[in-house]
Amino acid sequence: MFISSAFAQTAPAAASGGDLQSSLMSMLPLLLMFVVLYFVMIRPQMKKQKEHKTMIDALAKGDEIVTAGGFLGKVSKLGDGYLNVEIANGVEVQMQRSAVIQVLPKGSMK
């Protein structure tokens, strides 16, 4: 009485080339988002990692550094994965090379 009957309709004939084009057009926003994500997030992060690695590889004895924990110190001994840092007169700590976040200009620690 209040509900009308629904009748099935036949599907229209699909065009042979239109289906492929519509699927490519539906994937276009996803591809554009991936390209933007690469240039906005992934590429700058890779560049930053590369700069950090070259800075760590260039460390030398006597360099003044800042660590990830906030300590300022002078490199006193270098190893393959570790380095010794003098943070005060007579106080040396051993830490991983990756904990170095910045190399200070010579003479900045007094």
N, C-alpha and C. Protein backbone atom coordinates (compact mmCIF):
# COMPACT_ATOMS: atom_id res chain seq x y z
N MET A 1 0.81 -1.16 0.00
CA MET A 1 0.00 0.00 0.00
C MET A 1 0.88 1.26 0.00
N PHE A 2 1.77 1.40 0.98
CA PHE A 2 2.65 2.56 0.99
C PHE A 2 3.97 2.30 0.26
N ILE A 3 4.31 1.04 0.08
CA ILE A 3 5.57 0.69 -0.56
C ILE A 3 5.29 0.29 -2.00
N SER A 4 6.00 0.97 -2.91
CA SER A 4 5.79 0.63 -4.31
C SER A 4 6.71 -0.51 -4.71
N SER A 5 6.35 -1.22 -5.69
CA SER A 5 7.15 -2.35 -6.17
C SER A 5 8.35 -1.85 -6.92
N ALA A 6 9.50 -2.53 -6.73
CA ALA A 6 10.73 -2.18 -7.43
C ALA A 6 10.98 -3.23 -8.49
N PHE A 7 11.30 -2.76 -9.67
CA PHE A 7 11.56 -3.67 -10.77
C PHE A 7 13.02 -3.54 -11.19
N ALA A 8 13.64 -4.67 -11.48
CA ALA A 8 15.04 -4.67 -11.90
C ALA A 8 15.14 -4.10 -13.30
N GLN A 9 16.20 -3.33 -13.51
CA GLN A 9 16.43 -2.77 -14.83
C GLN A 9 17.62 -3.46 -15.45
N THR A 10 17.66 -3.50 -16.73
CA THR A 10 18.81 -4.10 -17.40
C THR A 10 19.97 -3.11 -17.39
N ALA A 11 21.18 -3.64 -17.25
CA ALA A 11 22.37 -2.79 -17.22
C ALA A 11 22.64 -2.28 -18.62
N PRO A 12 23.07 -1.00 -18.72
CA PRO A 12 23.40 -0.47 -20.04
C PRO A 12 24.66 -1.16 -20.57
N ALA A 13 24.78 -1.22 -21.85
CA ALA A 13 25.93 -1.86 -22.48
C ALA A 13 27.19 -1.04 -22.18
N ALA A 14 28.25 -1.70 -21.71
CA ALA A 14 29.50 -1.02 -21.36
C ALA A 14 30.33 -0.80 -22.61
N ALA A 15 30.91 0.39 -22.69
CA ALA A 15 31.79 0.69 -23.81
C ALA A 15 33.13 0.02 -23.55
N SER A 16 33.80 -0.42 -24.57
CA SER A 16 35.03 -1.19 -24.38
C SER A 16 36.18 -0.34 -23.84
N GLY A 17 36.39 0.87 -24.31
CA GLY A 17 37.51 1.70 -23.86
C GLY A 17 37.16 2.58 -22.68
N GLY A 18 35.93 2.86 -22.45
CA GLY A 18 35.51 3.75 -21.38
C GLY A 18 35.76 3.17 -20.00
N ASP A 19 35.69 1.86 -19.86
CA ASP A 19 35.88 1.22 -18.57
C ASP A 19 37.33 1.37 -18.10
N LEU A 20 38.28 1.20 -18.98
CA LEU A 20 39.69 1.34 -18.64
C LEU A 20 40.01 2.79 -18.29
N GLN A 21 39.47 3.71 -19.04
CA GLN A 21 39.72 5.12 -18.78
C GLN A 21 39.12 5.55 -17.44
N SER A 22 37.96 5.07 -17.11
CA SER A 22 37.34 5.45 -15.83
C SER A 22 38.12 4.86 -14.65
N SER A 23 38.68 3.66 -14.79
CA SER A 23 39.46 3.09 -13.69
C SER A 23 40.78 3.85 -13.52
N LEU A 24 41.38 4.31 -14.61
CA LEU A 24 42.60 5.10 -14.50
C LEU A 24 42.31 6.46 -13.87
N MET A 25 41.18 7.05 -14.22
CA MET A 25 40.82 8.34 -13.65
C MET A 25 40.50 8.22 -12.16
N SER A 26 39.98 7.08 -11.75
CA SER A 26 39.69 6.91 -10.32
C SER A 26 40.97 6.69 -9.52
N MET A 27 42.04 6.21 -10.14
CA MET A 27 43.32 6.00 -9.44
C MET A 27 44.20 7.24 -9.47
N LEU A 28 43.87 8.21 -10.29
CA LEU A 28 44.69 9.42 -10.43
C LEU A 28 44.84 10.20 -9.11
N PRO A 29 43.80 10.42 -8.33
CA PRO A 29 43.99 11.14 -7.06
C PRO A 29 44.92 10.39 -6.09
N LEU A 30 44.83 9.07 -6.08
CA LEU A 30 45.71 8.28 -5.22
C LEU A 30 47.17 8.43 -5.65
N LEU A 31 47.42 8.39 -6.93
CA LEU A 31 48.78 8.56 -7.44
C LEU A 31 49.31 9.96 -7.15
N LEU A 32 48.47 10.97 -7.32
CA LEU A 32 48.88 12.34 -7.03
C LEU A 32 49.21 12.52 -5.55
N MET A 33 48.42 11.91 -4.67
CA MET A 33 48.71 12.00 -3.24
C MET A 33 50.04 11.34 -2.90
N PHE A 34 50.35 10.22 -3.54
CA PHE A 34 51.61 9.53 -3.30
C PHE A 34 52.80 10.36 -3.77
N VAL A 35 52.66 11.03 -4.91
CA VAL A 35 53.73 11.89 -5.42
C VAL A 35 53.95 13.07 -4.48
N VAL A 36 52.89 13.69 -4.03
CA VAL A 36 53.00 14.82 -3.10
C VAL A 36 53.63 14.37 -1.79
N LEU A 37 53.22 13.21 -1.28
CA LEU A 37 53.78 12.66 -0.05
C LEU A 37 55.28 12.44 -0.20
N TYR A 38 55.71 11.94 -1.35
CA TYR A 38 57.13 11.71 -1.58
C TYR A 38 57.92 13.02 -1.51
N PHE A 39 57.45 14.03 -2.21
CA PHE A 39 58.20 15.29 -2.27
C PHE A 39 58.09 16.12 -0.99
N VAL A 40 57.02 15.95 -0.22
CA VAL A 40 56.84 16.75 0.98
C VAL A 40 57.44 16.09 2.22
N MET A 41 57.38 14.75 2.31
CA MET A 41 57.82 14.09 3.53
C MET A 41 59.02 13.16 3.34
N ILE A 42 58.98 12.28 2.37
CA ILE A 42 59.99 11.23 2.26
C ILE A 42 61.32 11.79 1.78
N ARG A 43 61.32 12.57 0.73
CA ARG A 43 62.57 13.09 0.17
C ARG A 43 63.33 14.00 1.14
N PRO A 44 62.68 14.96 1.82
CA PRO A 44 63.43 15.77 2.78
C PRO A 44 64.00 14.96 3.95
N GLN A 45 63.26 13.92 4.39
CA GLN A 45 63.75 13.10 5.47
C GLN A 45 64.99 12.32 5.04
N MET A 46 64.99 11.80 3.82
CA MET A 46 66.17 11.09 3.31
C MET A 46 67.36 12.03 3.19
N LYS A 47 67.13 13.26 2.78
CA LYS A 47 68.21 14.24 2.66
C LYS A 47 68.78 14.57 4.04
N LYS A 48 67.92 14.71 5.03
CA LYS A 48 68.36 15.01 6.39
C LYS A 48 69.18 13.85 6.95
N GLN A 49 68.76 12.62 6.71
CA GLN A 49 69.50 11.45 7.17
C GLN A 49 70.87 11.38 6.53
N LYS A 50 70.96 11.71 5.25
CA LYS A 50 72.23 11.68 4.55
C LYS A 50 73.19 12.73 5.11
N GLU A 51 72.68 13.94 5.40
CA GLU A 51 73.52 14.99 5.98
C GLU A 51 74.01 14.59 7.37
N HIS A 52 73.14 13.95 8.17
CA HIS A 52 73.53 13.51 9.51
C HIS A 52 74.61 12.44 9.43
N LYS A 53 74.49 11.53 8.49
CA LYS A 53 75.50 10.47 8.33
C LYS A 53 76.84 11.05 7.92
N THR A 54 76.86 12.02 7.02
CA THR A 54 78.14 12.62 6.61
C THR A 54 78.75 13.41 7.77
N MET A 55 77.92 14.05 8.61
CA MET A 55 78.43 14.77 9.77
C MET A 55 79.05 13.80 10.76
N ILE A 56 78.40 12.67 11.00
CA ILE A 56 78.93 11.69 11.95
C ILE A 56 80.21 11.06 11.42
N ASP A 57 80.26 10.79 10.14
CA ASP A 57 81.48 10.20 9.55
C ASP A 57 82.65 11.17 9.58
N ALA A 58 82.37 12.47 9.60
CA ALA A 58 83.44 13.48 9.57
C ALA A 58 83.90 13.89 10.96
N LEU A 59 83.37 13.27 12.01
CA LEU A 59 83.80 13.61 13.37
C LEU A 59 85.28 13.33 13.55
N ALA A 60 85.94 14.21 14.28
CA ALA A 60 87.37 14.04 14.55
C ALA A 60 87.64 14.34 16.01
N LYS A 61 88.78 13.90 16.49
CA LYS A 61 89.17 14.15 17.86
C LYS A 61 89.31 15.65 18.07
N GLY A 62 88.73 16.16 19.17
CA GLY A 62 88.79 17.59 19.46
C GLY A 62 87.57 18.36 19.02
N ASP A 63 86.67 17.74 18.25
CA ASP A 63 85.44 18.43 17.84
C ASP A 63 84.53 18.66 19.04
N GLU A 64 83.90 19.80 19.07
CA GLU A 64 82.93 20.11 20.11
C GLU A 64 81.55 19.79 19.58
N ILE A 65 80.81 19.00 20.37
CA ILE A 65 79.54 18.45 19.88
C ILE A 65 78.41 18.68 20.88
N VAL A 66 77.18 18.51 20.38
CA VAL A 66 75.98 18.48 21.21
C VAL A 66 75.36 17.11 21.00
N THR A 67 74.99 16.43 22.09
CA THR A 67 74.40 15.10 21.99
C THR A 67 72.88 15.18 22.02
N ALA A 68 72.25 14.05 21.74
CA ALA A 68 70.78 13.99 21.76
C ALA A 68 70.24 14.22 23.17
N GLY A 69 71.04 13.92 24.19
CA GLY A 69 70.62 14.14 25.57
C GLY A 69 70.82 15.57 26.04
N GLY A 70 71.44 16.41 25.19
CA GLY A 70 71.63 17.80 25.54
C GLY A 70 73.00 18.11 26.11
N PHE A 71 73.88 17.12 26.19
CA PHE A 71 75.22 17.35 26.71
C PHE A 71 76.09 18.03 25.67
N LEU A 72 76.91 18.96 26.13
CA LEU A 72 77.93 19.57 25.29
C LEU A 72 79.26 18.98 25.73
N GLY A 73 80.08 18.61 24.77
CA GLY A 73 81.36 18.02 25.13
C GLY A 73 82.33 18.05 23.99
N LYS A 74 83.53 17.57 24.28
CA LYS A 74 84.60 17.53 23.29
C LYS A 74 84.96 16.06 23.04
N VAL A 75 85.05 15.68 21.77
CA VAL A 75 85.38 14.30 21.41
C VAL A 75 86.83 14.04 21.82
N SER A 76 87.02 12.98 22.64
CA SER A 76 88.37 12.66 23.10
C SER A 76 88.90 11.38 22.47
N LYS A 77 88.01 10.50 22.03
CA LYS A 77 88.45 9.24 21.44
C LYS A 77 87.36 8.75 20.49
N LEU A 78 87.77 8.24 19.34
CA LEU A 78 86.82 7.76 18.33
C LEU A 78 86.95 6.26 18.14
N GLY A 79 85.81 5.60 17.98
CA GLY A 79 85.77 4.19 17.62
C GLY A 79 84.87 4.02 16.41
N ASP A 80 84.60 2.77 16.03
CA ASP A 80 83.75 2.54 14.86
C ASP A 80 82.31 2.96 15.12
N GLY A 81 81.72 2.47 16.21
CA GLY A 81 80.33 2.81 16.49
C GLY A 81 80.16 3.70 17.70
N TYR A 82 81.25 3.86 18.47
CA TYR A 82 81.18 4.63 19.71
C TYR A 82 82.25 5.71 19.73
N LEU A 83 82.06 6.67 20.61
CA LEU A 83 83.06 7.71 20.82
C LEU A 83 83.05 8.11 22.29
N ASN A 84 84.19 8.57 22.75
CA ASN A 84 84.29 9.08 24.12
C ASN A 84 84.22 10.60 24.06
N VAL A 85 83.41 11.15 24.95
CA VAL A 85 83.19 12.59 24.98
C VAL A 85 83.54 13.09 26.38
N GLU A 86 84.37 14.13 26.43
CA GLU A 86 84.70 14.76 27.70
C GLU A 86 83.69 15.87 27.93
N ILE A 87 82.83 15.67 28.97
CA ILE A 87 81.77 16.65 29.23
C ILE A 87 82.17 17.64 30.32
N ALA A 88 83.21 17.31 31.08
CA ALA A 88 83.76 18.21 32.10
C ALA A 88 85.21 17.79 32.30
N ASN A 89 85.98 18.58 33.02
CA ASN A 89 87.37 18.23 33.27
C ASN A 89 87.44 16.90 34.02
N GLY A 90 88.04 15.91 33.38
CA GLY A 90 88.20 14.60 34.00
C GLY A 90 86.97 13.71 33.93
N VAL A 91 85.90 14.15 33.31
CA VAL A 91 84.68 13.34 33.20
C VAL A 91 84.46 12.98 31.73
N GLU A 92 84.62 11.68 31.46
CA GLU A 92 84.43 11.18 30.10
C GLU A 92 83.28 10.19 30.07
N VAL A 93 82.48 10.27 29.03
CA VAL A 93 81.40 9.31 28.83
C VAL A 93 81.56 8.68 27.46
N GLN A 94 81.11 7.44 27.35
CA GLN A 94 81.14 6.75 26.07
C GLN A 94 79.72 6.70 25.53
N MET A 95 79.55 7.02 24.27
CA MET A 95 78.22 7.03 23.67
C MET A 95 78.29 6.60 22.21
N GLN A 96 77.14 6.32 21.67
CA GLN A 96 77.06 5.94 20.26
C GLN A 96 77.27 7.17 19.39
N ARG A 97 77.83 6.94 18.21
CA ARG A 97 78.04 8.06 17.27
C ARG A 97 76.72 8.69 16.86
N SER A 98 75.67 7.87 16.75
CA SER A 98 74.38 8.39 16.28
C SER A 98 73.74 9.36 17.27
N ALA A 99 74.25 9.42 18.51
CA ALA A 99 73.69 10.33 19.52
C ALA A 99 74.14 11.76 19.30
N VAL A 100 75.10 11.98 18.41
CA VAL A 100 75.58 13.34 18.12
C VAL A 100 74.58 14.00 17.18
N ILE A 101 74.08 15.17 17.59
CA ILE A 101 73.11 15.85 16.73
C ILE A 101 73.67 17.11 16.09
N GLN A 102 74.78 17.63 16.64
CA GLN A 102 75.32 18.87 16.07
C GLN A 102 76.80 18.97 16.41
N VAL A 103 77.57 19.47 15.46
CA VAL A 103 78.98 19.79 15.70
C VAL A 103 79.07 21.30 15.82
N LEU A 104 79.61 21.75 16.95
CA LEU A 104 79.72 23.19 17.22
C LEU A 104 80.99 23.75 16.61
N PRO A 105 81.02 25.04 16.33
CA PRO A 105 82.26 25.66 15.85
C PRO A 105 83.33 25.60 16.95
N LYS A 106 84.57 25.55 16.52
CA LYS A 106 85.69 25.47 17.48
C LYS A 106 85.67 26.67 18.41
N GLY A 107 85.90 26.41 19.71
CA GLY A 107 85.97 27.48 20.69
C GLY A 107 84.63 27.93 21.24
N SER A 108 83.54 27.25 20.91
CA SER A 108 82.24 27.68 21.43
C SER A 108 82.02 27.24 22.87
N MET A 109 82.74 26.22 23.31
CA MET A 109 82.64 25.80 24.72
C MET A 109 83.79 26.45 25.50
N LYS A 110 83.46 27.14 26.54
CA LYS A 110 84.51 27.78 27.37
C LYS A 110 84.20 27.51 28.80
